[in-house]
């Protein structure tokens, strides 16, 4: 969700898309906590959890990540990619076919707060 990686603060109201939400206990809720609004775990963290903690093989974790994001790796299509080393540290980010610099990543990750 677009609220991935929002810091936990049950007293702070965030705007996620067209709704307001608070982050408490690792998830986003409507401000009155009547409805769960989604996870705030990034896809990168979830990928590592799938492989390291749930023992999903890397190929299946990639397929699951693509399905979750309604994405596909197809010749002639532009996509977003995280390139990682064997320890799952991010080495490169390609967004819409363009490699991003570290400065761009910091700006993107803080732009919706």
Protein backbone atom coordinates (compact mmCIF):
# COMPACT_ATOMS: atom_id res chain seq x y z
CA UNK A 1 0.00 0.00 0.00
CA UNK A 2 1.13 3.60 -0.40
CA UNK A 3 1.50 3.80 3.39
CA UNK A 4 4.38 1.31 3.44
CA UNK A 5 7.05 2.20 5.98
CA UNK A 6 5.00 4.88 7.74
CA UNK A 7 6.32 5.27 11.28
CA UNK A 8 4.17 3.94 14.10
CA UNK A 9 2.38 6.74 15.92
CA UNK A 10 -1.22 6.02 16.96
CA UNK A 11 -1.76 9.72 17.69
CA UNK A 12 -0.71 10.94 14.23
CA UNK A 13 -3.19 10.89 11.34
CA UNK A 14 -1.67 10.11 7.93
CA UNK A 15 -3.30 10.63 4.56
CA UNK A 16 -3.03 7.45 2.48
CA UNK A 17 -4.60 7.99 -0.90
CA UNK A 18 -8.06 9.36 -0.23
CA UNK A 19 -8.36 8.07 3.33
CA UNK A 20 -7.03 9.03 6.73
CA UNK A 21 -5.27 6.41 8.84
CA UNK A 22 -3.23 5.92 11.99
CA UNK A 23 -0.41 3.38 12.34
CA UNK A 24 -0.52 1.22 15.44
CA UNK A 25 1.00 -2.22 16.12
CA UNK A 26 2.48 -2.42 12.61
CA UNK A 27 -0.72 -1.86 10.68
CA UNK A 28 -2.75 1.05 9.36
CA UNK A 29 -6.24 1.61 10.81
CA UNK A 30 -8.98 4.13 10.27
CA UNK A 31 -8.51 6.83 12.92
CA UNK A 32 -11.25 5.35 15.16
CA UNK A 33 -9.59 1.89 14.78
CA UNK A 34 -12.88 0.40 13.64
CA UNK A 35 -11.43 -0.98 10.39
CA UNK A 36 -8.03 -2.37 9.46
CA UNK A 37 -6.73 -0.30 6.54
CA UNK A 38 -3.71 -2.38 5.54
CA UNK A 39 -0.14 -3.34 6.34
CA UNK A 40 2.67 -0.80 6.43
CA UNK A 41 5.36 -3.39 5.67
CA UNK A 42 7.33 -2.58 2.53
CA UNK A 43 7.46 -5.13 -0.28
CA UNK A 44 11.23 -5.41 0.29
CA UNK A 45 10.70 -6.39 3.94
CA UNK A 46 7.91 -8.78 3.03
CA UNK A 47 10.11 -10.42 0.38
CA UNK A 48 12.81 -11.03 3.00
CA UNK A 49 10.22 -12.46 5.42
CA UNK A 50 8.90 -14.82 2.72
CA UNK A 51 12.38 -16.20 1.98
CA UNK A 52 14.13 -16.06 5.34
CA UNK A 53 11.33 -16.73 7.82
CA UNK A 54 8.75 -18.65 5.80
CA UNK A 55 11.32 -20.59 3.70
CA UNK A 56 9.64 -19.72 0.37
CA UNK A 57 12.13 -20.24 -2.48
CA UNK A 58 13.28 -17.05 -4.20
CA UNK A 59 11.55 -17.80 -7.51
CA UNK A 60 8.19 -18.27 -5.80
CA UNK A 61 8.74 -15.15 -3.65
CA UNK A 62 9.37 -13.16 -6.84
CA UNK A 63 6.17 -14.53 -8.40
CA UNK A 64 4.21 -13.70 -5.25
CA UNK A 65 5.64 -10.15 -5.23
CA UNK A 66 4.71 -9.64 -8.85
CA UNK A 67 1.15 -10.86 -8.25
CA UNK A 68 0.79 -8.64 -5.15
CA UNK A 69 1.74 -5.59 -7.20
CA UNK A 70 -0.21 -6.61 -10.33
CA UNK A 71 3.12 -6.52 -12.19
CA UNK A 72 4.72 -8.69 -14.85
CA UNK A 73 8.20 -9.18 -16.18
CA UNK A 74 7.68 -9.14 -19.92
CA UNK A 75 9.87 -8.17 -22.83
CA UNK A 76 9.10 -4.66 -24.04
CA UNK A 77 7.37 -3.58 -20.82
CA UNK A 78 8.69 -1.03 -18.33
CA UNK A 79 8.57 -2.02 -14.69
CA UNK A 80 9.97 -1.17 -11.27
CA UNK A 81 12.76 -3.39 -9.94
CA UNK A 82 14.81 -3.76 -6.77
CA UNK A 83 18.16 -5.39 -7.41
CA UNK A 84 19.51 -7.06 -4.26
CA UNK A 85 22.62 -8.91 -3.19
CA UNK A 86 22.56 -12.41 -1.63
CA UNK A 87 21.82 -10.88 1.80
CA UNK A 88 18.81 -9.03 0.29
CA UNK A 89 20.41 -5.60 0.65
CA UNK A 90 19.12 -3.23 -2.03
CA UNK A 91 21.86 -2.45 -4.54
CA UNK A 92 19.87 -0.68 -7.28
CA UNK A 93 16.37 0.60 -7.78
CA UNK A 94 14.89 0.96 -11.25
CA UNK A 95 11.61 2.87 -11.41
CA UNK A 96 9.72 3.10 -14.70
CA UNK A 97 12.86 1.95 -16.50
CA UNK A 98 15.18 4.57 -14.92
CA UNK A 99 17.82 3.81 -12.29
CA UNK A 100 17.33 6.01 -9.23
CA UNK A 101 20.10 7.59 -7.19
CA UNK A 102 20.25 7.22 -3.40
CA UNK A 103 19.19 10.90 -3.07
CA UNK A 104 16.09 10.18 -5.18
CA UNK A 105 15.21 7.19 -2.99
CA UNK A 106 15.34 9.29 0.16
CA UNK A 107 13.16 11.97 -1.42
CA UNK A 108 10.60 9.40 -2.63
CA UNK A 109 10.42 7.60 0.73
CA UNK A 110 9.71 10.80 2.65
CA UNK A 111 7.48 12.58 0.11
CA UNK A 112 4.16 11.18 1.39
CA UNK A 113 4.59 12.02 5.09
